[in-house]
Amino acid sequence: MEEKFDYTKAMAELDAIVKKVEDPATKLDDIDALVSRSKELIKACREYLRTVKEKVDSLDKE
């Protein structure tokens, strides 16, 4: 069973990633992994928002 995408959780994770990347104690290798994860989250958020926009647009046409 596929887990439903949670936009709020994704945004919270992105906020946490920003804080970790901005922390001078974070190692460069860790930053690389965090940036990769943020790219995945951003892609998922954009897809989610695109889907929501399409649903709203289709309601406007009814």
PDB file of N, CA and C in Angstrom:
ATOM      1  N   MET A   1       0.838  -1.181   0.000  1.00  0.00           N
ATOM      2  CA  MET A   1       0.000   0.000   0.000  1.00  0.00           C
ATOM      3  C   MET A   1       0.881   1.241   0.000  1.00  0.00           C
ATOM      4  N   GLU A   2       0.616   2.147  -0.940  1.00  0.00           N
ATOM      5  CA  GLU A   2       1.416   3.358  -1.081  1.00  0.00           C
ATOM      6  C   GLU A   2       1.025   4.375  -0.008  1.00  0.00           C
ATOM      7  N   GLU A   3       2.044   4.985   0.586  1.00  0.00           N
ATOM      8  CA  GLU A   3       1.801   5.986   1.611  1.00  0.00           C
ATOM      9  C   GLU A   3       1.382   7.297   0.947  1.00  0.00           C
ATOM     10  N   LYS A   4       0.349   7.938   1.523  1.00  0.00           N
ATOM     11  CA  LYS A   4      -0.144   9.199   0.985  1.00  0.00           C
ATOM     12  C   LYS A   4       0.867  10.308   1.266  1.00  0.00           C
ATOM     13  N   PHE A   5       1.112  11.139   0.276  1.00  0.00           N
ATOM     14  CA  PHE A   5       2.063  12.238   0.414  1.00  0.00           C
ATOM     15  C   PHE A   5       1.519  13.260   1.409  1.00  0.00           C
ATOM     16  N   ASP A   6       2.362  13.676   2.329  1.00  0.00           N
ATOM     17  CA  ASP A   6       1.981  14.671   3.334  1.00  0.00           C
ATOM     18  C   ASP A   6       2.805  15.933   3.091  1.00  0.00           C
ATOM     19  N   TYR A   7       2.177  16.914   2.458  1.00  0.00           N
ATOM     20  CA  TYR A   7       2.851  18.166   2.098  1.00  0.00           C
ATOM     21  C   TYR A   7       3.390  18.876   3.335  1.00  0.00           C
ATOM     22  N   THR A   8       2.618  18.913   4.406  1.00  0.00           N
ATOM     23  CA  THR A   8       3.037  19.599   5.634  1.00  0.00           C
ATOM     24  C   THR A   8       4.293  18.948   6.216  1.00  0.00           C
ATOM     25  N   LYS A   9       4.331  17.634   6.236  1.00  0.00           N
ATOM     26  CA  LYS A   9       5.516  16.935   6.748  1.00  0.00           C
ATOM     27  C   LYS A   9       6.725  17.179   5.850  1.00  0.00           C
ATOM     28  N   ALA A  10       6.502  17.200   4.552  1.00  0.00           N
ATOM     29  CA  ALA A  10       7.599  17.447   3.619  1.00  0.00           C
ATOM     30  C   ALA A  10       8.177  18.842   3.826  1.00  0.00           C
ATOM     31  N   MET A  11       7.310  19.818   4.015  1.00  0.00           N
ATOM     32  CA  MET A  11       7.784  21.187   4.249  1.00  0.00           C
ATOM     33  C   MET A  11       8.523  21.285   5.580  1.00  0.00           C
ATOM     34  N   ALA A  12       8.053  20.584   6.592  1.00  0.00           N
ATOM     35  CA  ALA A  12       8.734  20.576   7.889  1.00  0.00           C
ATOM     36  C   ALA A  12      10.119  19.941   7.753  1.00  0.00           C
ATOM     37  N   GLU A  13      10.205  18.868   6.975  1.00  0.00           N
ATOM     38  CA  GLU A  13      11.502  18.230   6.759  1.00  0.00           C
ATOM     39  C   GLU A  13      12.447  19.156   6.002  1.00  0.00           C
ATOM     40  N   LEU A  14      11.918  19.881   5.022  1.00  0.00           N
ATOM     41  CA  LEU A  14      12.748  20.842   4.292  1.00  0.00           C
ATOM     42  C   LEU A  14      13.262  21.939   5.228  1.00  0.00           C
ATOM     43  N   ASP A  15      12.414  22.420   6.116  1.00  0.00           N
ATOM     44  CA  ASP A  15      12.847  23.420   7.098  1.00  0.00           C
ATOM     45  C   ASP A  15      13.966  22.867   7.980  1.00  0.00           C
ATOM     46  N   ALA A  16      13.833  21.618   8.401  1.00  0.00           N
ATOM     47  CA  ALA A  16      14.859  20.983   9.236  1.00  0.00           C
ATOM     48  C   ALA A  16      16.171  20.830   8.454  1.00  0.00           C
ATOM     49  N   ILE A  17      16.059  20.514   7.188  1.00  0.00           N
ATOM     50  CA  ILE A  17      17.251  20.381   6.345  1.00  0.00           C
ATOM     51  C   ILE A  17      17.976  21.718   6.243  1.00  0.00           C
ATOM     52  N   VAL A  18      17.230  22.788   6.053  1.00  0.00           N
ATOM     53  CA  VAL A  18      17.838  24.121   5.967  1.00  0.00           C
ATOM     54  C   VAL A  18      18.624  24.422   7.234  1.00  0.00           C
ATOM     55  N   LYS A  19      18.038  24.141   8.381  1.00  0.00           N
ATOM     56  CA  LYS A  19      18.720  24.396   9.651  1.00  0.00           C
ATOM     57  C   LYS A  19      20.006  23.584   9.766  1.00  0.00           C
ATOM     58  N   LYS A  20      19.950  22.317   9.333  1.00  0.00           N
ATOM     59  CA  LYS A  20      21.144  21.468   9.403  1.00  0.00           C
ATOM     60  C   LYS A  20      22.237  21.966   8.458  1.00  0.00           C
ATOM     61  N   VAL A  21      21.847  22.369   7.251  1.00  0.00           N
ATOM     62  CA  VAL A  21      22.818  22.852   6.275  1.00  0.00           C
ATOM     63  C   VAL A  21      23.467  24.154   6.760  1.00  0.00           C
ATOM     64  N   GLU A  22      22.687  25.003   7.400  1.00  0.00           N
ATOM     65  CA  GLU A  22      23.212  26.278   7.901  1.00  0.00           C
ATOM     66  C   GLU A  22      24.068  26.118   9.156  1.00  0.00           C
ATOM     67  N   ASP A  23      23.984  24.970   9.806  1.00  0.00           N
ATOM     68  CA  ASP A  23      24.758  24.718  11.021  1.00  0.00           C
ATOM     69  C   ASP A  23      26.225  24.475  10.655  1.00  0.00           C
ATOM     70  N   PRO A  24      27.139  25.289  11.186  1.00  0.00           N
ATOM     71  CA  PRO A  24      28.558  25.119  10.850  1.00  0.00           C
ATOM     72  C   PRO A  24      29.127  23.755  11.270  1.00  0.00           C
ATOM     73  N   ALA A  25      28.480  23.069  12.181  1.00  0.00           N
ATOM     74  CA  ALA A  25      28.959  21.766  12.640  1.00  0.00           C
ATOM     75  C   ALA A  25      28.619  20.636  11.665  1.00  0.00           C
ATOM     76  N   THR A  26      27.742  20.903  10.704  1.00  0.00           N
ATOM     77  CA  THR A  26      27.347  19.869   9.746  1.00  0.00           C
ATOM     78  C   THR A  26      28.485  19.617   8.766  1.00  0.00           C
ATOM     79  N   LYS A  27      28.838  18.353   8.596  1.00  0.00           N
ATOM     80  CA  LYS A  27      29.946  17.967   7.716  1.00  0.00           C
ATOM     81  C   LYS A  27      29.531  18.059   6.254  1.00  0.00           C
ATOM     82  N   LEU A  28      30.505  18.289   5.404  1.00  0.00           N
ATOM     83  CA  LEU A  28      30.264  18.429   3.973  1.00  0.00           C
ATOM     84  C   LEU A  28      29.577  17.201   3.378  1.00  0.00           C
ATOM     85  N   ASP A  29      29.995  16.007   3.782  1.00  0.00           N
ATOM     86  CA  ASP A  29      29.352  14.783   3.276  1.00  0.00           C
ATOM     87  C   ASP A  29      27.884  14.728   3.675  1.00  0.00           C
ATOM     88  N   ASP A  30      27.586  15.202   4.877  1.00  0.00           N
ATOM     89  CA  ASP A  30      26.198  15.236   5.335  1.00  0.00           C
ATOM     90  C   ASP A  30      25.390  16.250   4.533  1.00  0.00           C
ATOM     91  N   ILE A  31      26.013  17.373   4.218  1.00  0.00           N
ATOM     92  CA  ILE A  31      25.322  18.402   3.427  1.00  0.00           C
ATOM     93  C   ILE A  31      24.961  17.843   2.056  1.00  0.00           C
ATOM     94  N   ASP A  32      25.859  17.084   1.461  1.00  0.00           N
ATOM     95  CA  ASP A  32      25.583  16.479   0.156  1.00  0.00           C
ATOM     96  C   ASP A  32      24.341  15.588   0.220  1.00  0.00           C
ATOM     97  N   ALA A  33      24.245  14.777   1.256  1.00  0.00           N
ATOM     98  CA  ALA A  33      23.076  13.903   1.420  1.00  0.00           C
ATOM     99  C   ALA A  33      21.814  14.723   1.683  1.00  0.00           C
ATOM    100  N   LEU A  34      21.943  15.778   2.460  1.00  0.00           N
ATOM    101  CA  LEU A  34      20.787  16.633   2.764  1.00  0.00           C
ATOM    102  C   LEU A  34      20.280  17.342   1.508  1.00  0.00           C
ATOM    103  N   VAL A  35      21.208  17.798   0.677  1.00  0.00           N
ATOM    104  CA  VAL A  35      20.818  18.458  -0.571  1.00  0.00           C
ATOM    105  C   VAL A  35      20.092  17.470  -1.487  1.00  0.00           C
ATOM    106  N   SER A  36      20.590  16.250  -1.547  1.00  0.00           N
ATOM    107  CA  SER A  36      19.924  15.226  -2.368  1.00  0.00           C
ATOM    108  C   SER A  36      18.505  14.961  -1.862  1.00  0.00           C
ATOM    109  N   ARG A  37      18.358  14.845  -0.557  1.00  0.00           N
ATOM    110  CA  ARG A  37      17.031  14.620   0.028  1.00  0.00           C
ATOM    111  C   ARG A  37      16.120  15.808  -0.246  1.00  0.00           C
ATOM    112  N   SER A  38      16.663  17.016  -0.145  1.00  0.00           N
ATOM    113  CA  SER A  38      15.828  18.199  -0.390  1.00  0.00           C
ATOM    114  C   SER A  38      15.339  18.232  -1.836  1.00  0.00           C
ATOM    115  N   LYS A  39      16.164  17.786  -2.770  1.00  0.00           N
ATOM    116  CA  LYS A  39      15.741  17.734  -4.174  1.00  0.00           C
ATOM    117  C   LYS A  39      14.557  16.787  -4.338  1.00  0.00           C
ATOM    118  N   GLU A  40      14.616  15.639  -3.664  1.00  0.00           N
ATOM    119  CA  GLU A  40      13.504  14.674  -3.721  1.00  0.00           C
ATOM    120  C   GLU A  40      12.229  15.290  -3.159  1.00  0.00           C
ATOM    121  N   LEU A  41      12.358  15.960  -2.018  1.00  0.00           N
ATOM    122  CA  LEU A  41      11.186  16.567  -1.378  1.00  0.00           C
ATOM    123  C   LEU A  41      10.601  17.678  -2.232  1.00  0.00           C
ATOM    124  N   ILE A  42      11.451  18.510  -2.802  1.00  0.00           N
ATOM    125  CA  ILE A  42      10.978  19.609  -3.641  1.00  0.00           C
ATOM    126  C   ILE A  42      10.240  19.059  -4.860  1.00  0.00           C
ATOM    127  N   LYS A  43      10.778  18.014  -5.460  1.00  0.00           N
ATOM    128  CA  LYS A  43      10.117  17.394  -6.614  1.00  0.00           C
ATOM    129  C   LYS A  43       8.736  16.866  -6.221  1.00  0.00           C
ATOM    130  N   ALA A  44       8.655  16.195  -5.082  1.00  0.00           N
ATOM    131  CA  ALA A  44       7.373  15.650  -4.616  1.00  0.00           C
ATOM    132  C   ALA A  44       6.386  16.772  -4.291  1.00  0.00           C
ATOM    133  N   CYS A  45       6.858  17.839  -3.687  1.00  0.00           N
ATOM    134  CA  CYS A  45       5.983  18.977  -3.359  1.00  0.00           C
ATOM    135  C   CYS A  45       5.442  19.629  -4.623  1.00  0.00           C
ATOM    136  N   ARG A  46       6.311  19.814  -5.596  1.00  0.00           N
ATOM    137  CA  ARG A  46       5.866  20.424  -6.864  1.00  0.00           C
ATOM    138  C   ARG A  46       4.810  19.565  -7.546  1.00  0.00           C
ATOM    139  N   GLU A  47       5.025  18.255  -7.557  1.00  0.00           N
ATOM    140  CA  GLU A  47       4.056  17.344  -8.170  1.00  0.00           C
ATOM    141  C   GLU A  47       2.724  17.399  -7.427  1.00  0.00           C
ATOM    142  N   TYR A  48       2.798  17.413  -6.114  1.00  0.00           N
ATOM    143  CA  TYR A  48       1.588  17.507  -5.295  1.00  0.00           C
ATOM    144  C   TYR A  48       0.831  18.801  -5.603  1.00  0.00           C
ATOM    145  N   LEU A  49       1.553  19.919  -5.629  1.00  0.00           N
ATOM    146  CA  LEU A  49       0.910  21.208  -5.905  1.00  0.00           C
ATOM    147  C   LEU A  49       0.338  21.253  -7.320  1.00  0.00           C
ATOM    148  N   ARG A  50       1.040  20.643  -8.268  1.00  0.00           N
ATOM    149  CA  ARG A  50       0.547  20.593  -9.649  1.00  0.00           C
ATOM    150  C   ARG A  50      -0.766  19.813  -9.702  1.00  0.00           C
ATOM    151  N   THR A  51      -0.831  18.705  -8.985  1.00  0.00           N
ATOM    152  CA  THR A  51      -2.040  17.884  -8.939  1.00  0.00           C
ATOM    153  C   THR A  51      -3.199  18.643  -8.300  1.00  0.00           C
ATOM    154  N   VAL A  52      -2.915  19.329  -7.207  1.00  0.00           N
ATOM    155  CA  VAL A  52      -3.956  20.113  -6.530  1.00  0.00           C
ATOM    156  C   VAL A  52      -4.460  21.218  -7.451  1.00  0.00           C
ATOM    157  N   LYS A  53      -3.541  21.895  -8.142  1.00  0.00           N
ATOM    158  CA  LYS A  53      -3.941  22.967  -9.059  1.00  0.00           C
ATOM    159  C   LYS A  53      -4.836  22.426 -10.169  1.00  0.00           C
ATOM    160  N   GLU A  54      -4.491  21.258 -10.705  1.00  0.00           N
ATOM    161  CA  GLU A  54      -5.314  20.654 -11.752  1.00  0.00           C
ATOM    162  C   GLU A  54      -6.713  20.338 -11.239  1.00  0.00           C
ATOM    163  N   LYS A  55      -6.806  19.854 -10.003  1.00  0.00           N
ATOM    164  CA  LYS A  55      -8.116  19.573  -9.417  1.00  0.00           C
ATOM    165  C   LYS A  55      -8.930  20.849  -9.251  1.00  0.00           C
ATOM    166  N   VAL A  56      -8.291  21.904  -8.780  1.00  0.00           N
ATOM    167  CA  VAL A  56      -8.982  23.183  -8.593  1.00  0.00           C
ATOM    168  C   VAL A  56      -9.412  23.743  -9.945  1.00  0.00           C
ATOM    169  N   ASP A  57      -8.528  23.676 -10.927  1.00  0.00           N
ATOM    170  CA  ASP A  57      -8.862  24.157 -12.269  1.00  0.00           C
ATOM    171  C   ASP A  57     -10.044  23.396 -12.847  1.00  0.00           C
ATOM    172  N   SER A  58     -10.103  22.090 -12.604  1.00  0.00           N
ATOM    173  CA  SER A  58     -11.210  21.303 -13.150  1.00  0.00           C
ATOM    174  C   SER A  58     -12.534  21.680 -12.456  1.00  0.00           C
ATOM    175  N   LEU A  59     -12.462  22.083 -11.195  1.00  0.00           N
ATOM    176  CA  LEU A  59     -13.665  22.538 -10.503  1.00  0.00           C
ATOM    177  C   LEU A  59     -14.174  23.847 -11.086  1.00  0.00           C
ATOM    178  N   ASP A  60     -13.232  24.702 -11.489  1.00  0.00           N
ATOM    179  CA  ASP A  60     -13.615  25.980 -12.089  1.00  0.00           C
ATOM    180  C   ASP A  60     -14.357  25.775 -13.406  1.00  0.00           C
ATOM    181  N   LYS A  61     -14.063  24.681 -14.106  1.00  0.00           N
ATOM    182  CA  LYS A  61     -14.681  24.423 -15.409  1.00  0.00           C
ATOM    183  C   LYS A  61     -16.056  23.826 -15.284  1.00  0.00           C
ATOM    184  N   GLU A  62     -16.411  23.346 -14.104  1.00  0.00           N
ATOM    185  CA  GLU A  62     -17.733  22.710 -13.932  1.00  0.00           C
ATOM    186  C   GLU A  62     -18.812  23.757 -13.758  1.00  0.00           C
TER     187      GLU A  62
END
